[in-house]
Amino acid sequence: MESPILILPGLNGSGPAHWQTLWERRLPAARRVEARDWDRPDRAEWVAALDVAVAAAGPQAVLVAHSLGCLQVAHWVAAAGRSVKGPVRGALLVAPPDPAAPGFPDVITGFAPVPTAPFPFPSILVASSDDPYGSFAFARGCAGAWGSRLVDAGTRGHLNADSGLGDWELGLGLLDELRG
């Protein structure tokens, strides 16, 4: 059975040229976890939406989070604790933003502090060395706290549509790793 893929965009959702949206079109097992309001994220709502999506996806779901979606996963794990191990096969976490960084959008509230509870499932965190929303040192700290393998994507900005990644083959390879 193919592992379900749950796509977790960040602030404003992922637009039509974003690799997450391209993956949704390309991968039959992928579906987006919708937010009531992409422009004014509410942590409790986002965590609840992830909880419902994981329960509906059945066993062995793989989470694919970008930006604020990474913090959504961290808060979900912190709220659910070790009980999340069974239904989640792994998580691909891309470009986690730092709520303490000067460029962090003011419309985002409730996602700080960033939980440091280790994830009870395998995870890979991909970060760029020139991400305007979170330093590589911040990403390294998250990876260490969450027990994630850290992958350096080089100088690619926020690893979004503006980064020119297209279908982002590196990410697809990492996703395949997590899906086994």
N, C-alpha and C. Protein backbone atom coordinates (compact mmCIF):
# COMPACT_ATOMS: atom_id res chain seq x y z
N MET A 1 0.83 -1.19 0.00
CA MET A 1 0.00 0.00 0.00
C MET A 1 0.88 1.25 0.00
N GLU A 2 0.54 2.20 -0.86
CA GLU A 2 1.30 3.43 -0.96
C GLU A 2 0.99 4.33 0.23
N SER A 3 2.03 4.88 0.85
CA SER A 3 1.84 5.77 2.00
C SER A 3 1.11 7.04 1.58
N PRO A 4 0.06 7.43 2.33
CA PRO A 4 -0.58 8.72 2.05
C PRO A 4 0.39 9.85 2.35
N ILE A 5 0.32 10.91 1.54
CA ILE A 5 1.19 12.07 1.71
C ILE A 5 0.31 13.26 2.08
N LEU A 6 0.58 13.84 3.23
CA LEU A 6 -0.16 15.01 3.68
C LEU A 6 0.70 16.25 3.49
N ILE A 7 0.25 17.15 2.61
CA ILE A 7 0.96 18.37 2.29
C ILE A 7 0.54 19.47 3.28
N LEU A 8 1.52 20.07 3.95
CA LEU A 8 1.28 21.11 4.95
C LEU A 8 1.98 22.40 4.52
N PRO A 9 1.28 23.28 3.81
CA PRO A 9 1.88 24.55 3.40
C PRO A 9 2.05 25.50 4.58
N GLY A 10 2.75 26.59 4.32
CA GLY A 10 2.92 27.62 5.33
C GLY A 10 1.97 28.78 5.11
N LEU A 11 2.35 29.92 5.62
CA LEU A 11 1.57 31.15 5.50
C LEU A 11 1.16 31.38 4.04
N ASN A 12 -0.10 31.73 3.82
CA ASN A 12 -0.67 32.01 2.50
C ASN A 12 -0.84 30.78 1.62
N GLY A 13 -0.60 29.57 2.16
CA GLY A 13 -0.72 28.37 1.34
C GLY A 13 0.40 28.33 0.32
N SER A 14 0.45 27.31 -0.47
CA SER A 14 1.47 27.21 -1.52
C SER A 14 0.81 27.49 -2.85
N GLY A 15 1.32 28.50 -3.54
CA GLY A 15 0.74 28.91 -4.82
C GLY A 15 0.96 27.89 -5.93
N PRO A 16 0.49 28.20 -7.14
CA PRO A 16 0.51 27.25 -8.25
C PRO A 16 1.90 26.82 -8.70
N ALA A 17 2.93 27.65 -8.49
CA ALA A 17 4.28 27.29 -8.92
C ALA A 17 5.12 26.69 -7.79
N HIS A 18 4.56 26.56 -6.61
CA HIS A 18 5.29 26.02 -5.45
C HIS A 18 5.44 24.50 -5.61
N TRP A 19 6.58 23.97 -5.21
CA TRP A 19 6.82 22.54 -5.35
C TRP A 19 5.77 21.70 -4.63
N GLN A 20 5.19 22.17 -3.52
CA GLN A 20 4.16 21.38 -2.84
C GLN A 20 2.92 21.23 -3.74
N THR A 21 2.53 22.28 -4.40
CA THR A 21 1.37 22.23 -5.30
C THR A 21 1.68 21.33 -6.50
N LEU A 22 2.89 21.43 -7.02
CA LEU A 22 3.29 20.57 -8.14
C LEU A 22 3.28 19.10 -7.72
N TRP A 23 3.72 18.81 -6.50
CA TRP A 23 3.68 17.44 -6.00
C TRP A 23 2.26 16.94 -5.86
N GLU A 24 1.36 17.80 -5.40
CA GLU A 24 -0.05 17.40 -5.27
C GLU A 24 -0.60 16.93 -6.60
N ARG A 25 -0.23 17.63 -7.67
CA ARG A 25 -0.70 17.26 -9.01
C ARG A 25 -0.03 15.99 -9.51
N ARG A 26 1.22 15.81 -9.14
CA ARG A 26 2.04 14.70 -9.67
C ARG A 26 1.84 13.39 -8.91
N LEU A 27 1.62 13.47 -7.62
CA LEU A 27 1.59 12.27 -6.78
C LEU A 27 0.15 11.93 -6.38
N PRO A 28 -0.37 10.81 -6.85
CA PRO A 28 -1.76 10.46 -6.55
C PRO A 28 -2.07 10.31 -5.05
N ALA A 29 -1.07 9.97 -4.25
CA ALA A 29 -1.30 9.75 -2.81
C ALA A 29 -1.25 11.06 -2.01
N ALA A 30 -0.96 12.19 -2.69
CA ALA A 30 -0.79 13.46 -1.98
C ALA A 30 -2.10 14.24 -1.89
N ARG A 31 -2.30 14.81 -0.70
CA ARG A 31 -3.43 15.74 -0.54
C ARG A 31 -3.05 16.80 0.47
N ARG A 32 -3.58 17.99 0.24
CA ARG A 32 -3.28 19.15 1.07
C ARG A 32 -4.13 19.14 2.33
N VAL A 33 -3.52 19.47 3.45
CA VAL A 33 -4.26 19.69 4.68
C VAL A 33 -4.68 21.15 4.66
N GLU A 34 -5.96 21.38 4.52
CA GLU A 34 -6.48 22.74 4.35
C GLU A 34 -6.54 23.49 5.68
N ALA A 35 -6.33 24.79 5.59
CA ALA A 35 -6.48 25.68 6.73
C ALA A 35 -7.70 26.57 6.48
N ARG A 36 -8.39 26.93 7.53
CA ARG A 36 -9.54 27.82 7.40
C ARG A 36 -9.09 29.18 6.88
N ASP A 37 -7.93 29.64 7.36
CA ASP A 37 -7.43 30.95 6.96
C ASP A 37 -5.92 30.86 6.76
N TRP A 38 -5.50 30.83 5.49
CA TRP A 38 -4.08 30.74 5.18
C TRP A 38 -3.34 32.04 5.50
N ASP A 39 -4.06 33.15 5.53
CA ASP A 39 -3.41 34.45 5.70
C ASP A 39 -3.27 34.90 7.15
N ARG A 40 -4.05 34.31 8.04
CA ARG A 40 -3.97 34.61 9.48
C ARG A 40 -3.98 33.28 10.24
N PRO A 41 -2.83 32.62 10.26
CA PRO A 41 -2.76 31.29 10.86
C PRO A 41 -3.09 31.30 12.36
N ASP A 42 -3.87 30.33 12.77
CA ASP A 42 -4.20 30.12 14.17
C ASP A 42 -3.63 28.75 14.55
N ARG A 43 -2.68 28.76 15.47
CA ARG A 43 -1.97 27.52 15.81
C ARG A 43 -2.93 26.41 16.22
N ALA A 44 -3.88 26.69 17.09
CA ALA A 44 -4.81 25.66 17.56
C ALA A 44 -5.60 25.06 16.40
N GLU A 45 -6.05 25.91 15.48
CA GLU A 45 -6.80 25.41 14.31
C GLU A 45 -5.91 24.57 13.41
N TRP A 46 -4.68 25.03 13.18
CA TRP A 46 -3.78 24.29 12.31
C TRP A 46 -3.42 22.93 12.91
N VAL A 47 -3.19 22.90 14.21
CA VAL A 47 -2.85 21.63 14.88
C VAL A 47 -4.06 20.69 14.83
N ALA A 48 -5.25 21.20 15.07
CA ALA A 48 -6.46 20.38 15.00
C ALA A 48 -6.69 19.84 13.59
N ALA A 49 -6.43 20.66 12.58
CA ALA A 49 -6.60 20.22 11.19
C ALA A 49 -5.63 19.09 10.86
N LEU A 50 -4.42 19.18 11.35
CA LEU A 50 -3.44 18.11 11.13
C LEU A 50 -3.87 16.84 11.84
N ASP A 51 -4.38 16.96 13.04
CA ASP A 51 -4.84 15.80 13.80
C ASP A 51 -5.96 15.07 13.04
N VAL A 52 -6.91 15.82 12.52
CA VAL A 52 -8.02 15.23 11.75
C VAL A 52 -7.49 14.58 10.47
N ALA A 53 -6.57 15.25 9.78
CA ALA A 53 -6.03 14.73 8.52
C ALA A 53 -5.25 13.44 8.73
N VAL A 54 -4.45 13.37 9.78
CA VAL A 54 -3.68 12.15 10.06
C VAL A 54 -4.63 11.00 10.39
N ALA A 55 -5.65 11.27 11.18
CA ALA A 55 -6.62 10.23 11.52
C ALA A 55 -7.34 9.72 10.27
N ALA A 56 -7.68 10.63 9.35
CA ALA A 56 -8.39 10.25 8.13
C ALA A 56 -7.49 9.54 7.13
N ALA A 57 -6.20 9.84 7.15
CA ALA A 57 -5.28 9.27 6.18
C ALA A 57 -5.00 7.80 6.43
N GLY A 58 -5.24 7.35 7.64
CA GLY A 58 -4.93 5.96 7.96
C GLY A 58 -3.46 5.80 8.30
N PRO A 59 -3.04 4.56 8.46
CA PRO A 59 -1.68 4.31 8.92
C PRO A 59 -0.62 4.68 7.88
N GLN A 60 0.53 5.02 8.38
CA GLN A 60 1.72 5.24 7.57
C GLN A 60 1.73 6.52 6.75
N ALA A 61 1.02 7.54 7.18
CA ALA A 61 1.04 8.82 6.48
C ALA A 61 2.43 9.44 6.56
N VAL A 62 2.81 10.14 5.49
CA VAL A 62 4.05 10.90 5.47
C VAL A 62 3.66 12.37 5.38
N LEU A 63 4.22 13.16 6.28
CA LEU A 63 3.93 14.59 6.34
C LEU A 63 4.97 15.34 5.51
N VAL A 64 4.52 16.29 4.70
CA VAL A 64 5.42 17.11 3.90
C VAL A 64 5.11 18.57 4.22
N ALA A 65 5.94 19.15 5.09
CA ALA A 65 5.69 20.48 5.62
C ALA A 65 6.67 21.50 5.07
N HIS A 66 6.14 22.66 4.72
CA HIS A 66 7.00 23.77 4.31
C HIS A 66 6.75 24.96 5.25
N SER A 67 7.83 25.59 5.66
CA SER A 67 7.79 26.83 6.43
C SER A 67 6.95 26.68 7.70
N LEU A 68 5.88 27.45 7.84
CA LEU A 68 5.06 27.40 9.05
C LEU A 68 4.47 26.01 9.27
N GLY A 69 4.32 25.24 8.19
CA GLY A 69 3.87 23.85 8.32
C GLY A 69 4.80 23.02 9.19
N CYS A 70 6.10 23.37 9.19
CA CYS A 70 7.06 22.66 10.06
C CYS A 70 6.73 22.91 11.53
N LEU A 71 6.41 24.16 11.84
CA LEU A 71 6.05 24.49 13.23
C LEU A 71 4.71 23.87 13.59
N GLN A 72 3.81 23.76 12.62
CA GLN A 72 2.54 23.08 12.83
C GLN A 72 2.79 21.63 13.28
N VAL A 73 3.70 20.94 12.59
CA VAL A 73 4.04 19.56 12.95
C VAL A 73 4.64 19.51 14.36
N ALA A 74 5.56 20.42 14.66
CA ALA A 74 6.20 20.42 15.98
C ALA A 74 5.18 20.64 17.10
N HIS A 75 4.24 21.55 16.89
CA HIS A 75 3.20 21.80 17.91
C HIS A 75 2.25 20.61 18.01
N TRP A 76 1.96 19.97 16.89
CA TRP A 76 1.10 18.78 16.89
C TRP A 76 1.75 17.65 17.69
N VAL A 77 3.04 17.42 17.44
CA VAL A 77 3.78 16.37 18.17
C VAL A 77 3.79 16.70 19.66
N ALA A 78 4.07 17.96 20.00
CA ALA A 78 4.12 18.36 21.41
C ALA A 78 2.77 18.17 22.08
N ALA A 79 1.68 18.43 21.35
CA ALA A 79 0.34 18.28 21.93
C ALA A 79 -0.07 16.81 22.04
N ALA A 80 0.29 16.01 21.04
CA ALA A 80 -0.15 14.61 21.00
C ALA A 80 0.83 13.66 21.69
N GLY A 81 2.08 14.07 21.81
CA GLY A 81 3.08 13.23 22.45
C GLY A 81 3.38 11.97 21.66
N ARG A 82 3.76 10.95 22.33
CA ARG A 82 4.18 9.70 21.69
C ARG A 82 3.03 8.97 20.98
N SER A 83 1.80 9.37 21.22
CA SER A 83 0.66 8.68 20.61
C SER A 83 0.63 8.83 19.08
N VAL A 84 1.45 9.73 18.51
CA VAL A 84 1.43 9.93 17.06
C VAL A 84 2.28 8.91 16.31
N LYS A 85 3.03 8.09 16.99
CA LYS A 85 3.98 7.20 16.31
C LYS A 85 3.31 6.27 15.31
N GLY A 86 2.22 5.65 15.68
CA GLY A 86 1.59 4.67 14.81
C GLY A 86 1.12 5.20 13.47
N PRO A 87 0.38 6.32 13.45
CA PRO A 87 -0.18 6.74 12.18
C PRO A 87 0.76 7.53 11.28
N VAL A 88 1.97 7.84 11.72
CA VAL A 88 2.88 8.64 10.90
C VAL A 88 4.14 7.84 10.62
N ARG A 89 4.43 7.72 9.33
CA ARG A 89 5.62 6.99 8.90
C ARG A 89 6.87 7.87 8.97
N GLY A 90 6.68 9.17 8.67
CA GLY A 90 7.81 10.09 8.68
C GLY A 90 7.38 11.48 8.27
N ALA A 91 8.33 12.41 8.32
CA ALA A 91 8.03 13.80 7.96
C ALA A 91 9.21 14.41 7.22
N LEU A 92 8.88 15.12 6.15
CA LEU A 92 9.84 15.94 5.43
C LEU A 92 9.53 17.38 5.81
N LEU A 93 10.48 18.03 6.44
CA LEU A 93 10.31 19.38 6.99
C LEU A 93 11.22 20.32 6.21
N VAL A 94 10.64 21.33 5.57
CA VAL A 94 11.42 22.18 4.67
C VAL A 94 11.32 23.64 5.10
N ALA A 95 12.46 24.25 5.33
CA ALA A 95 12.58 25.69 5.61
C ALA A 95 11.76 26.16 6.82
N PRO A 96 12.04 25.60 8.01
CA PRO A 96 11.30 26.08 9.18
C PRO A 96 11.63 27.53 9.49
N PRO A 97 10.61 28.36 9.72
CA PRO A 97 10.87 29.77 10.03
C PRO A 97 11.12 29.96 11.53
N ASP A 98 11.87 30.98 11.84
CA ASP A 98 12.20 31.29 13.23
C ASP A 98 11.29 32.42 13.72
N PRO A 99 10.37 32.12 14.65
CA PRO A 99 9.46 33.16 15.16
C PRO A 99 10.19 34.34 15.82
N ALA A 100 11.44 34.14 16.21
CA ALA A 100 12.20 35.22 16.85
C ALA A 100 12.99 36.05 15.84
N ALA A 101 12.97 35.65 14.57
CA ALA A 101 13.72 36.39 13.54
C ALA A 101 13.01 37.69 13.20
N PRO A 102 13.78 38.72 12.85
CA PRO A 102 13.18 40.03 12.54
C PRO A 102 12.18 39.98 11.38
N GLY A 103 12.38 39.10 10.40
CA GLY A 103 11.49 39.05 9.25
C GLY A 103 10.25 38.20 9.43
N PHE A 104 10.07 37.63 10.62
CA PHE A 104 8.92 36.76 10.85
C PHE A 104 7.63 37.59 10.74
N PRO A 105 6.68 37.17 9.90
CA PRO A 105 5.47 37.97 9.68
C PRO A 105 4.66 38.21 10.95
N ASP A 106 4.22 39.45 11.13
CA ASP A 106 3.45 39.85 12.32
C ASP A 106 2.08 39.18 12.40
N VAL A 107 1.53 38.75 11.26
CA VAL A 107 0.19 38.14 11.28
C VAL A 107 0.19 36.74 11.89
N ILE A 108 1.38 36.18 12.08
CA ILE A 108 1.49 34.84 12.66
C ILE A 108 1.67 34.97 14.16
N THR A 109 0.73 34.42 14.90
CA THR A 109 0.85 34.43 16.36
C THR A 109 0.57 33.02 16.88
N GLY A 110 1.10 32.74 18.03
CA GLY A 110 0.81 31.48 18.70
C GLY A 110 1.75 30.34 18.34
N PHE A 111 2.71 30.55 17.45
CA PHE A 111 3.61 29.46 17.06
C PHE A 111 4.93 29.50 17.82
N ALA A 112 5.12 30.52 18.67
CA ALA A 112 6.30 30.60 19.51
C ALA A 112 5.86 30.33 20.95
N PRO A 113 6.72 29.74 21.73
CA PRO A 113 8.03 29.22 21.37
C PRO A 113 7.91 27.94 20.54
N VAL A 114 8.97 27.64 19.83
CA VAL A 114 9.01 26.44 19.00
C VAL A 114 9.22 25.23 19.91
N PRO A 115 8.32 24.24 19.83
CA PRO A 115 8.48 23.04 20.66
C PRO A 115 9.79 22.31 20.36
N THR A 116 10.36 21.73 21.38
CA THR A 116 11.62 21.00 21.22
C THR A 116 11.46 19.52 21.51
N ALA A 117 10.23 19.05 21.62
CA ALA A 117 10.00 17.62 21.87
C ALA A 117 10.47 16.82 20.66
N PRO A 118 11.23 15.74 20.89
CA PRO A 118 11.67 14.91 19.76
C PRO A 118 10.47 14.24 19.09
N PHE A 119 10.54 14.11 17.78
CA PHE A 119 9.48 13.46 17.03
C PHE A 119 9.59 11.94 17.21
N PRO A 120 8.47 11.26 17.40
CA PRO A 120 8.51 9.80 17.58
C PRO A 120 8.46 9.04 16.25
N PHE A 121 8.86 9.69 15.17
CA PHE A 121 8.92 9.07 13.84
C PHE A 121 10.10 9.69 13.11
N PRO A 122 10.61 9.02 12.07
CA PRO A 122 11.75 9.58 11.34
C PRO A 122 11.39 10.89 10.65
N SER A 123 12.37 11.78 10.57
CA SER A 123 12.14 13.05 9.88
C SER A 123 13.44 13.54 9.26
N ILE A 124 13.25 14.28 8.16
CA ILE A 124 14.36 14.91 7.46
C ILE A 124 14.03 16.39 7.37
N LEU A 125 14.95 17.24 7.80
CA LEU A 125 14.77 18.68 7.75
C LEU A 125 15.72 19.24 6.70
N VAL A 126 15.15 19.97 5.73
CA VAL A 126 15.93 20.58 4.66
C VAL A 126 15.94 22.09 4.87
N ALA A 127 17.13 22.68 4.84
CA ALA A 127 17.25 24.12 5.06
C ALA A 127 18.26 24.72 4.08
N SER A 128 18.04 25.98 3.79
CA SER A 128 18.92 26.74 2.93
C SER A 128 19.80 27.63 3.81
N SER A 129 21.00 27.90 3.35
CA SER A 129 21.90 28.73 4.16
C SER A 129 21.59 30.22 4.06
N ASP A 130 20.67 30.59 3.16
CA ASP A 130 20.33 32.02 3.04
C ASP A 130 18.81 32.25 3.12
N ASP A 131 18.14 31.46 3.94
CA ASP A 131 16.70 31.61 4.11
C ASP A 131 16.42 32.89 4.90
N PRO A 132 15.62 33.81 4.34
CA PRO A 132 15.36 35.06 5.05
C PRO A 132 14.46 34.90 6.28
N TYR A 133 13.80 33.76 6.43
CA TYR A 133 12.88 33.56 7.56
C TYR A 133 13.43 32.68 8.67
N GLY A 134 14.58 32.11 8.46
CA GLY A 134 15.19 31.28 9.50
C GLY A 134 16.62 30.94 9.14
N SER A 135 17.53 31.19 10.04
CA SER A 135 18.94 30.92 9.76
C SER A 135 19.21 29.42 9.72
N PHE A 136 20.35 29.09 9.12
CA PHE A 136 20.74 27.68 9.10
C PHE A 136 21.00 27.18 10.52
N ALA A 137 21.51 28.04 11.38
CA ALA A 137 21.75 27.67 12.78
C ALA A 137 20.42 27.34 13.47
N PHE A 138 19.38 28.12 13.19
CA PHE A 138 18.05 27.82 13.75
C PHE A 138 17.57 26.46 13.25
N ALA A 139 17.71 26.21 11.95
CA ALA A 139 17.29 24.92 11.38
C ALA A 139 18.08 23.77 12.01
N ARG A 140 19.37 23.96 12.20
CA ARG A 140 20.21 22.93 12.83
C ARG A 140 19.71 22.64 14.25
N GLY A 141 19.33 23.70 14.99
CA GLY A 141 18.80 23.52 16.34
C GLY A 141 17.49 22.75 16.33
N CYS A 142 16.61 23.08 15.39
CA CYS A 142 15.34 22.34 15.28
C CYS A 142 15.59 20.88 14.95
N ALA A 143 16.48 20.64 13.99
CA ALA A 143 16.79 19.26 13.60
C ALA A 143 17.32 18.47 14.79
N GLY A 144 18.20 19.08 15.56
CA GLY A 144 18.74 18.40 16.74
C GLY A 144 17.67 18.10 17.77
N ALA A 145 16.81 19.08 18.04
CA ALA A 145 15.75 18.90 19.04
C ALA A 145 14.73 17.86 18.59
N TRP A 146 14.36 17.91 17.33
CA TRP A 146 13.31 17.02 16.82
C TRP A 146 13.82 15.64 16.43
N GLY A 147 15.16 15.47 16.40
CA GLY A 147 15.73 14.19 15.98
C GLY A 147 15.71 13.99 14.48
N SER A 148 15.74 15.09 13.75
CA SER A 148 15.67 15.05 12.29
C SER A 148 17.07 15.00 11.68
N ARG A 149 17.18 14.32 10.55
CA ARG A 149 18.40 14.39 9.75
C ARG A 149 18.38 15.73 9.02
N LEU A 150 19.48 16.48 9.09
CA LEU A 150 19.56 17.79 8.47
C LEU A 150 20.20 17.68 7.09
N VAL A 151 19.54 18.29 6.09
CA VAL A 151 20.06 18.33 4.73
C VAL A 151 20.26 19.80 4.35
N ASP A 152 21.47 20.13 3.92
CA ASP A 152 21.82 21.49 3.51
C ASP A 152 21.48 21.65 2.03
N ALA A 153 20.53 22.53 1.72
CA ALA A 153 20.11 22.76 0.34
C ALA A 153 20.94 23.84 -0.34
N GLY A 154 21.96 24.35 0.33
CA GLY A 154 22.79 25.39 -0.26
C GLY A 154 22.13 26.76 -0.16
N THR A 155 22.38 27.62 -1.11
CA THR A 155 21.83 28.97 -1.12
C THR A 155 20.63 29.00 -2.06
N ARG A 156 19.46 28.70 -1.53
CA ARG A 156 18.23 28.62 -2.34
C ARG A 156 17.09 29.43 -1.74
N GLY A 157 17.40 30.36 -0.82
CA GLY A 157 16.35 31.18 -0.23
C GLY A 157 15.42 30.36 0.66
N HIS A 158 14.14 30.66 0.57
CA HIS A 158 13.15 30.02 1.46
C HIS A 158 12.63 28.68 0.91
N LEU A 159 13.25 28.18 -0.12
CA LEU A 159 12.87 26.89 -0.73
C LEU A 159 11.39 26.87 -1.11
N ASN A 160 10.99 27.94 -1.78
CA ASN A 160 9.60 28.09 -2.21
C ASN A 160 9.58 28.33 -3.72
N ALA A 161 8.47 28.81 -4.25
CA ALA A 161 8.37 29.07 -5.70
C ALA A 161 9.41 30.08 -6.16
N ASP A 162 9.72 31.07 -5.33
CA ASP A 162 10.72 32.07 -5.70
C ASP A 162 12.13 31.48 -5.83
N SER A 163 12.34 30.30 -5.27
CA SER A 163 13.64 29.64 -5.35
C SER A 163 13.85 28.93 -6.68
N GLY A 164 12.82 28.86 -7.51
CA GLY A 164 12.94 28.24 -8.82
C GLY A 164 13.18 26.73 -8.77
N LEU A 165 12.57 26.05 -7.82
CA LEU A 165 12.82 24.62 -7.63
C LEU A 165 12.03 23.73 -8.58
N GLY A 166 10.95 24.24 -9.16
CA GLY A 166 10.10 23.40 -10.00
C GLY A 166 9.56 22.23 -9.21
N ASP A 167 9.64 21.04 -9.78
CA ASP A 167 9.18 19.82 -9.09
C ASP A 167 10.10 19.41 -7.94
N TRP A 168 11.22 20.02 -7.81
CA TRP A 168 12.21 19.83 -6.75
C TRP A 168 12.58 18.35 -6.57
N GLU A 169 13.41 17.89 -7.47
CA GLU A 169 13.81 16.48 -7.50
C GLU A 169 14.53 16.04 -6.22
N LEU A 170 15.36 16.91 -5.62
CA LEU A 170 16.02 16.56 -4.36
C LEU A 170 14.97 16.22 -3.31
N GLY A 171 13.96 17.05 -3.20
CA GLY A 171 12.89 16.81 -2.23
C GLY A 171 12.14 15.52 -2.51
N LEU A 172 11.86 15.24 -3.78
CA LEU A 172 11.17 14.00 -4.14
C LEU A 172 12.00 12.77 -3.73
N GLY A 173 13.30 12.86 -3.89
CA GLY A 173 14.18 11.76 -3.47
C GLY A 173 14.11 11.55 -1.96
N LEU A 174 14.10 12.64 -1.20
CA LEU A 174 14.00 12.54 0.26
C LEU A 174 12.62 11.99 0.67
N LEU A 175 11.59 12.40 -0.03
CA LEU A 175 10.25 11.87 0.22
C LEU A 175 10.22 10.37 -0.02
N ASP A 176 10.82 9.93 -1.11
CA ASP A 176 10.88 8.49 -1.41
C ASP A 176 11.57 7.72 -0.29
N GLU A 177 12.65 8.32 0.25
CA GLU A 177 13.35 7.70 1.38
C GLU A 177 12.41 7.47 2.56
N LEU A 178 11.63 8.49 2.89
CA LEU A 178 10.72 8.40 4.03
C LEU A 178 9.58 7.42 3.77
N ARG A 179 9.16 7.32 2.52
CA ARG A 179 8.06 6.40 2.18
C ARG A 179 8.53 4.96 2.14
N GLY A 180 9.86 4.76 2.08
CA GLY A 180 10.41 3.40 2.12
C GLY A 180 10.28 2.71 0.80
